[in-house]
N, C-alpha and C. Protein backbone atom coordinates (compact mmCIF):
# COMPACT_ATOMS: atom_id res chain seq x y z
N MET A 1 0.79 -1.22 0.02
CA MET A 1 0.01 -0.02 0.02
C MET A 1 0.82 1.24 -0.04
N GLU A 2 2.09 1.09 0.24
CA GLU A 2 3.02 2.25 0.20
C GLU A 2 3.03 2.83 -1.16
N TRP A 3 3.04 2.01 -2.20
CA TRP A 3 3.16 2.56 -3.56
C TRP A 3 1.84 3.37 -3.91
N LEU A 4 0.71 2.97 -3.30
CA LEU A 4 -0.57 3.74 -3.53
C LEU A 4 -0.41 5.08 -2.92
N GLU A 5 0.11 5.13 -1.75
CA GLU A 5 0.27 6.45 -1.08
C GLU A 5 1.29 7.30 -1.80
N ALA A 6 2.35 6.72 -2.26
CA ALA A 6 3.42 7.38 -3.16
C ALA A 6 2.72 8.00 -4.42
N LEU A 7 1.91 7.11 -5.00
CA LEU A 7 1.27 7.54 -6.31
C LEU A 7 0.38 8.63 -5.95
N ALA A 8 -0.43 8.67 -4.90
CA ALA A 8 -1.33 9.67 -4.55
C ALA A 8 -0.60 10.97 -4.42
N ILE A 9 0.59 10.91 -3.67
CA ILE A 9 1.33 12.17 -3.45
C ILE A 9 1.93 12.66 -4.73
N ILE A 10 2.34 11.85 -5.66
CA ILE A 10 2.86 12.24 -6.94
C ILE A 10 1.72 12.93 -7.75
N LEU A 11 0.56 12.37 -7.81
CA LEU A 11 -0.59 12.90 -8.52
C LEU A 11 -1.09 14.20 -8.00
N THR A 12 -0.96 14.32 -6.59
CA THR A 12 -1.34 15.55 -5.98
C THR A 12 -0.38 16.60 -6.29
N THR A 13 0.90 16.27 -6.24
CA THR A 13 1.88 17.29 -6.63
C THR A 13 1.79 17.67 -8.04
N ILE A 14 1.60 16.79 -8.94
CA ILE A 14 1.34 17.20 -10.32
C ILE A 14 0.08 18.13 -10.56
N GLY A 15 -0.94 17.71 -9.78
CA GLY A 15 -2.15 18.56 -9.82
C GLY A 15 -1.83 20.01 -9.31
N ILE A 16 -1.16 20.06 -8.21
CA ILE A 16 -0.81 21.38 -7.63
C ILE A 16 0.07 22.17 -8.56
N ARG A 17 1.13 21.46 -9.13
CA ARG A 17 2.07 22.09 -9.99
C ARG A 17 1.51 22.54 -11.36
N PHE A 18 0.67 21.74 -12.00
CA PHE A 18 0.21 22.03 -13.28
C PHE A 18 -1.19 22.47 -13.48
N LEU A 19 -2.12 21.69 -12.76
CA LEU A 19 -3.58 22.07 -12.89
C LEU A 19 -4.02 23.30 -12.37
N ILE A 20 -3.46 23.74 -11.19
CA ILE A 20 -3.90 25.03 -10.63
C ILE A 20 -3.41 26.17 -11.48
N PRO A 21 -2.23 26.31 -11.93
CA PRO A 21 -1.96 27.37 -12.83
C PRO A 21 -2.77 27.43 -14.16
N ILE A 22 -3.09 26.18 -14.68
CA ILE A 22 -3.85 26.15 -15.93
C ILE A 22 -5.22 26.70 -15.69
N ILE A 23 -5.82 26.22 -14.50
CA ILE A 23 -7.25 26.74 -14.15
C ILE A 23 -7.16 28.24 -13.95
N LEU A 24 -6.17 28.64 -13.25
CA LEU A 24 -6.06 30.18 -13.09
C LEU A 24 -5.85 30.92 -14.37
N THR A 25 -5.16 30.37 -15.22
CA THR A 25 -4.91 31.06 -16.57
C THR A 25 -6.26 31.11 -17.31
N ILE A 26 -7.02 30.01 -17.29
CA ILE A 26 -8.34 29.92 -18.06
C ILE A 26 -9.22 30.96 -17.34
N GLY A 27 -9.17 31.02 -16.01
CA GLY A 27 -10.07 32.08 -15.41
C GLY A 27 -9.68 33.50 -15.80
N ILE A 28 -8.32 33.79 -15.88
CA ILE A 28 -7.96 35.17 -16.21
C ILE A 28 -8.26 35.43 -17.64
N VAL A 29 -8.10 34.42 -18.58
CA VAL A 29 -8.44 34.72 -19.97
C VAL A 29 -9.97 34.94 -20.11
N TYR A 30 -10.79 34.20 -19.34
CA TYR A 30 -12.27 34.48 -19.37
C TYR A 30 -12.60 35.87 -18.92
N PHE A 31 -11.99 36.29 -17.84
CA PHE A 31 -12.11 37.59 -17.25
C PHE A 31 -11.79 38.74 -18.32
N LEU A 32 -10.57 38.52 -18.87
CA LEU A 32 -10.13 39.48 -19.82
C LEU A 32 -10.98 39.57 -21.02
N ARG A 33 -11.53 38.53 -21.43
CA ARG A 33 -12.40 38.49 -22.67
C ARG A 33 -13.74 39.23 -22.42
N GLN A 34 -14.22 39.10 -21.16
CA GLN A 34 -15.43 39.77 -20.72
C GLN A 34 -15.13 41.25 -20.63
N LEU A 35 -13.99 41.59 -20.11
CA LEU A 35 -13.67 43.05 -19.97
C LEU A 35 -13.45 43.57 -21.36
N ASP A 36 -12.86 42.85 -22.33
CA ASP A 36 -12.68 43.43 -23.67
C ASP A 36 -14.04 43.61 -24.39
N ALA A 37 -14.96 42.63 -24.15
CA ALA A 37 -16.28 42.79 -24.80
C ALA A 37 -17.04 44.01 -24.20
N ARG A 38 -16.81 44.33 -22.89
CA ARG A 38 -17.43 45.42 -22.37
C ARG A 38 -16.81 46.77 -22.92
N TRP A 39 -15.50 46.75 -23.01
CA TRP A 39 -14.79 47.93 -23.67
C TRP A 39 -15.18 48.10 -25.10
N GLN A 40 -15.45 47.07 -25.85
CA GLN A 40 -15.81 47.22 -27.23
C GLN A 40 -17.21 47.76 -27.29
N ALA A 41 -18.13 47.31 -26.42
CA ALA A 41 -19.48 47.92 -26.31
C ALA A 41 -19.44 49.36 -26.00
N GLU A 42 -18.58 49.75 -25.14
CA GLU A 42 -18.44 51.17 -24.79
C GLU A 42 -17.92 51.95 -25.96
N ALA A 43 -16.99 51.40 -26.70
CA ALA A 43 -16.38 52.10 -27.80
C ALA A 43 -17.43 52.29 -28.92
N LYS A 44 -18.37 51.31 -29.11
CA LYS A 44 -19.38 51.56 -30.08
C LYS A 44 -20.31 52.72 -29.70
N GLU A 45 -20.45 52.93 -28.43
CA GLU A 45 -21.29 54.06 -27.95
C GLU A 45 -20.63 55.36 -28.17
N LEU A 46 -19.31 55.38 -28.33
CA LEU A 46 -18.66 56.62 -28.55
C LEU A 46 -18.57 56.92 -30.06
N THR A 47 -19.71 57.20 -30.56
CA THR A 47 -19.79 57.48 -31.97
C THR A 47 -19.49 58.91 -32.36
N LEU A 48 -18.66 59.09 -33.38
CA LEU A 48 -18.48 60.48 -33.91
C LEU A 48 -19.47 60.59 -35.06
N LEU A 49 -20.17 61.67 -35.08
CA LEU A 49 -21.04 61.97 -36.14
C LEU A 49 -20.31 62.30 -37.38
N PRO A 50 -20.71 61.94 -38.54
CA PRO A 50 -20.05 62.39 -39.78
C PRO A 50 -20.14 63.95 -39.90
N ALA A 51 -19.20 64.48 -40.61
CA ALA A 51 -19.18 65.89 -40.82
C ALA A 51 -20.39 66.32 -41.68
N SER A 52 -20.95 65.45 -42.40
CA SER A 52 -22.18 65.81 -43.26
C SER A 52 -23.38 65.98 -42.38
N ALA A 53 -23.32 65.79 -41.03
CA ALA A 53 -24.39 65.99 -40.16
C ALA A 53 -24.77 67.40 -39.91
N PHE A 54 -23.82 68.31 -40.49
CA PHE A 54 -24.02 69.71 -40.28
C PHE A 54 -25.25 70.22 -41.08
N GLU A 55 -26.22 70.87 -40.38
CA GLU A 55 -27.45 71.30 -40.95
C GLU A 55 -27.74 72.79 -40.82
N GLY A 56 -26.67 73.52 -40.63
CA GLY A 56 -26.78 74.95 -40.45
C GLY A 56 -26.82 75.64 -41.76
N PRO A 57 -26.97 76.89 -41.74
CA PRO A 57 -26.95 77.72 -43.06
C PRO A 57 -25.48 77.62 -43.66
N ARG A 58 -25.44 77.60 -44.93
CA ARG A 58 -24.12 77.37 -45.63
C ARG A 58 -23.39 78.70 -45.67
N CYS A 59 -22.11 78.61 -45.86
CA CYS A 59 -21.33 79.83 -45.81
C CYS A 59 -21.56 80.84 -46.90
N TYR A 60 -21.75 80.24 -48.10
CA TYR A 60 -22.03 81.07 -49.25
C TYR A 60 -23.45 81.78 -49.07
N GLU A 61 -24.38 81.17 -48.33
CA GLU A 61 -25.68 81.85 -48.05
C GLU A 61 -25.43 83.00 -47.13
N VAL A 62 -24.73 82.75 -46.10
CA VAL A 62 -24.39 83.83 -45.05
C VAL A 62 -23.55 84.97 -45.64
N ASN A 63 -22.57 84.61 -46.38
CA ASN A 63 -21.67 85.64 -46.89
C ASN A 63 -22.28 86.26 -48.21
N GLY A 64 -23.31 85.80 -48.75
CA GLY A 64 -23.95 86.39 -49.98
C GLY A 64 -22.93 86.24 -51.18
N CYS A 65 -22.42 85.20 -51.38
CA CYS A 65 -21.48 85.01 -52.49
C CYS A 65 -22.26 85.13 -53.86
N SER A 66 -21.52 85.67 -54.84
CA SER A 66 -22.15 85.75 -56.21
C SER A 66 -22.01 84.42 -56.88
N PRO A 67 -22.83 84.18 -57.94
CA PRO A 67 -22.78 83.01 -58.69
C PRO A 67 -21.36 82.64 -59.26
N GLU A 68 -20.57 83.74 -59.61
CA GLU A 68 -19.25 83.63 -60.10
C GLU A 68 -18.32 83.10 -59.03
N GLN A 69 -18.44 83.60 -57.73
CA GLN A 69 -17.65 83.05 -56.70
C GLN A 69 -18.06 81.65 -56.33
N MET A 70 -19.40 81.32 -56.42
CA MET A 70 -19.77 79.96 -56.08
C MET A 70 -19.20 78.92 -57.14
N GLU A 71 -19.07 79.27 -58.36
CA GLU A 71 -18.54 78.47 -59.36
C GLU A 71 -17.06 78.06 -59.00
N LYS A 72 -16.27 79.02 -58.50
CA LYS A 72 -14.90 78.77 -58.26
C LYS A 72 -14.69 78.08 -56.84
N CYS A 73 -15.71 78.08 -56.01
CA CYS A 73 -15.57 77.51 -54.71
C CYS A 73 -16.05 76.07 -54.61
N PRO A 74 -15.34 75.22 -53.89
CA PRO A 74 -15.75 73.87 -53.87
C PRO A 74 -16.86 73.55 -52.82
N VAL A 75 -17.13 74.46 -51.92
CA VAL A 75 -18.09 74.24 -50.89
C VAL A 75 -19.53 73.93 -51.34
N PRO A 76 -20.09 74.72 -52.35
CA PRO A 76 -21.51 74.38 -52.64
C PRO A 76 -21.71 73.02 -53.18
N THR A 77 -20.77 72.35 -53.70
CA THR A 77 -20.88 70.87 -54.21
C THR A 77 -20.65 69.90 -53.15
N GLN A 78 -20.21 70.25 -51.91
CA GLN A 78 -19.97 69.36 -50.91
C GLN A 78 -21.03 69.28 -49.86
N SER A 79 -21.17 68.22 -49.14
CA SER A 79 -22.14 68.09 -48.14
C SER A 79 -21.55 68.47 -46.74
N GLN A 80 -20.34 68.75 -46.67
CA GLN A 80 -19.65 69.21 -45.42
C GLN A 80 -19.70 70.62 -45.26
N PRO A 81 -19.56 71.03 -43.99
CA PRO A 81 -19.46 72.52 -43.80
C PRO A 81 -18.19 73.01 -44.39
N CYS A 82 -18.10 74.35 -44.65
CA CYS A 82 -16.95 74.91 -45.32
C CYS A 82 -15.63 74.70 -44.58
N TRP A 83 -15.65 74.77 -43.34
CA TRP A 83 -14.36 74.53 -42.60
C TRP A 83 -13.78 73.13 -42.78
N GLN A 84 -14.68 72.14 -43.00
CA GLN A 84 -14.20 70.83 -43.26
C GLN A 84 -13.65 70.69 -44.66
N VAL A 85 -14.19 71.43 -45.63
CA VAL A 85 -13.70 71.37 -46.94
C VAL A 85 -12.36 71.96 -47.02
N PHE A 86 -12.18 73.09 -46.33
CA PHE A 86 -10.91 73.86 -46.42
C PHE A 86 -9.89 73.35 -45.50
N ARG A 87 -10.00 72.21 -44.81
CA ARG A 87 -9.06 71.66 -43.81
C ARG A 87 -7.72 71.40 -44.63
N ASN A 88 -6.61 71.56 -43.92
CA ASN A 88 -5.32 71.27 -44.47
C ASN A 88 -5.21 69.79 -44.73
N ALA A 89 -4.94 69.33 -45.99
CA ALA A 89 -4.83 67.88 -46.27
C ALA A 89 -3.66 67.18 -45.68
N LYS A 90 -2.66 67.88 -45.29
CA LYS A 90 -1.48 67.21 -44.79
C LYS A 90 -1.68 66.90 -43.27
N ASN A 91 -2.07 67.85 -42.49
CA ASN A 91 -2.22 67.61 -41.14
C ASN A 91 -3.66 67.74 -40.52
N GLY A 92 -4.64 68.00 -41.37
CA GLY A 92 -5.99 68.10 -40.85
C GLY A 92 -6.39 69.37 -40.11
N ARG A 93 -5.49 70.33 -40.04
CA ARG A 93 -5.73 71.57 -39.35
C ARG A 93 -6.65 72.46 -40.01
N LEU A 94 -7.42 73.34 -39.27
CA LEU A 94 -8.24 74.26 -39.86
C LEU A 94 -7.38 75.44 -40.27
N GLN A 95 -7.93 76.19 -41.26
CA GLN A 95 -7.31 77.50 -41.64
C GLN A 95 -7.51 78.52 -40.71
N GLU A 96 -6.51 79.46 -40.63
CA GLU A 96 -6.69 80.47 -39.67
C GLU A 96 -7.94 81.37 -39.84
N ARG A 97 -8.29 81.55 -41.08
CA ARG A 97 -9.50 82.42 -41.37
C ARG A 97 -10.73 81.65 -40.89
N CYS A 98 -10.81 80.31 -40.82
CA CYS A 98 -11.96 79.58 -40.36
C CYS A 98 -12.08 79.73 -38.85
N LEU A 99 -11.00 79.89 -38.13
CA LEU A 99 -11.08 79.92 -36.64
C LEU A 99 -11.80 81.19 -36.20
N SER A 100 -11.65 82.33 -36.93
CA SER A 100 -12.24 83.48 -36.52
C SER A 100 -13.60 83.76 -37.29
N CYS A 101 -14.01 82.88 -38.16
CA CYS A 101 -15.16 83.11 -38.95
C CYS A 101 -16.47 82.92 -38.10
N LYS A 102 -17.40 83.76 -38.34
CA LYS A 102 -18.67 83.75 -37.57
C LYS A 102 -19.45 82.44 -37.91
N GLN A 103 -19.33 81.99 -39.07
CA GLN A 103 -20.02 80.68 -39.45
C GLN A 103 -19.48 79.51 -38.50
N PHE A 104 -18.19 79.51 -38.47
CA PHE A 104 -17.55 78.41 -37.64
C PHE A 104 -17.78 78.61 -36.16
N THR A 105 -17.68 79.80 -35.63
CA THR A 105 -17.67 79.93 -34.16
C THR A 105 -19.18 79.80 -33.66
N GLN A 106 -20.22 80.02 -34.54
CA GLN A 106 -21.55 79.91 -34.07
C GLN A 106 -22.18 78.59 -34.47
N ALA A 107 -21.42 77.71 -35.10
CA ALA A 107 -21.97 76.42 -35.43
C ALA A 107 -22.14 75.57 -34.22
N PRO A 108 -23.24 74.82 -34.13
CA PRO A 108 -23.52 73.99 -32.88
C PRO A 108 -22.55 72.76 -32.95
N VAL A 109 -22.16 72.33 -31.75
CA VAL A 109 -21.41 71.03 -31.63
C VAL A 109 -22.43 69.97 -31.83
N PRO A 110 -22.10 68.99 -32.79
CA PRO A 110 -23.05 67.88 -32.94
C PRO A 110 -23.29 67.14 -31.72
N ALA A 111 -24.53 66.85 -31.42
CA ALA A 111 -24.98 66.07 -30.20
C ALA A 111 -24.43 64.66 -30.35
N GLY A 112 -23.98 64.23 -29.12
CA GLY A 112 -23.50 62.79 -29.03
C GLY A 112 -22.06 62.67 -29.45
N ILE A 113 -21.38 63.67 -29.76
CA ILE A 113 -19.98 63.48 -30.25
C ILE A 113 -19.01 63.04 -29.09
N TYR A 114 -19.35 63.49 -27.82
CA TYR A 114 -18.52 63.05 -26.68
C TYR A 114 -19.39 62.28 -25.67
N ARG A 115 -20.48 61.66 -26.10
CA ARG A 115 -21.35 60.95 -25.16
C ARG A 115 -20.61 59.68 -24.66
N LEU A 116 -20.60 59.57 -23.30
CA LEU A 116 -20.09 58.38 -22.69
C LEU A 116 -21.28 57.67 -21.91
N SER A 117 -21.13 56.33 -21.98
CA SER A 117 -22.16 55.58 -21.17
C SER A 117 -21.86 55.68 -19.67
N THR A 118 -22.89 55.73 -18.99
CA THR A 118 -22.80 55.91 -17.54
C THR A 118 -23.40 54.66 -16.87
C-alpha cells in the first residue's frame, strides 16, 4: 500500500504544480475577454457623427457669394461645412480664417460626439 500512497502524493503534486496554474490562466482569460467585450461595447457608444451631419446655413448663403464666386468655390458641391472642406490635407488643421469666422464659431457642436455611457 505504500506505492498507492506514493502515487497519490505524486498525482497531488502534479495537480498542484500544473492544474492549478492552468485553471487560473483559464479564469484570467475568461475575465479579460469579458472586460474586452465590455470595452468594445463602450467604444461603439462613442460614435463620432459624420461631418455631413451639419445642417446649419451654408457659408455662401451667409456671406452672400455671387454665382461667379460659387462656381470657383468647392463648398457648394460638398455636403460638409466649409471649414471641413478647407482643412489642410497634410495635417488636418483648420485654416486661420476659419477659426475667426462667424459661421464656424456659431456652429453647434453635434450632439452625441462626446457621449459616454454611464
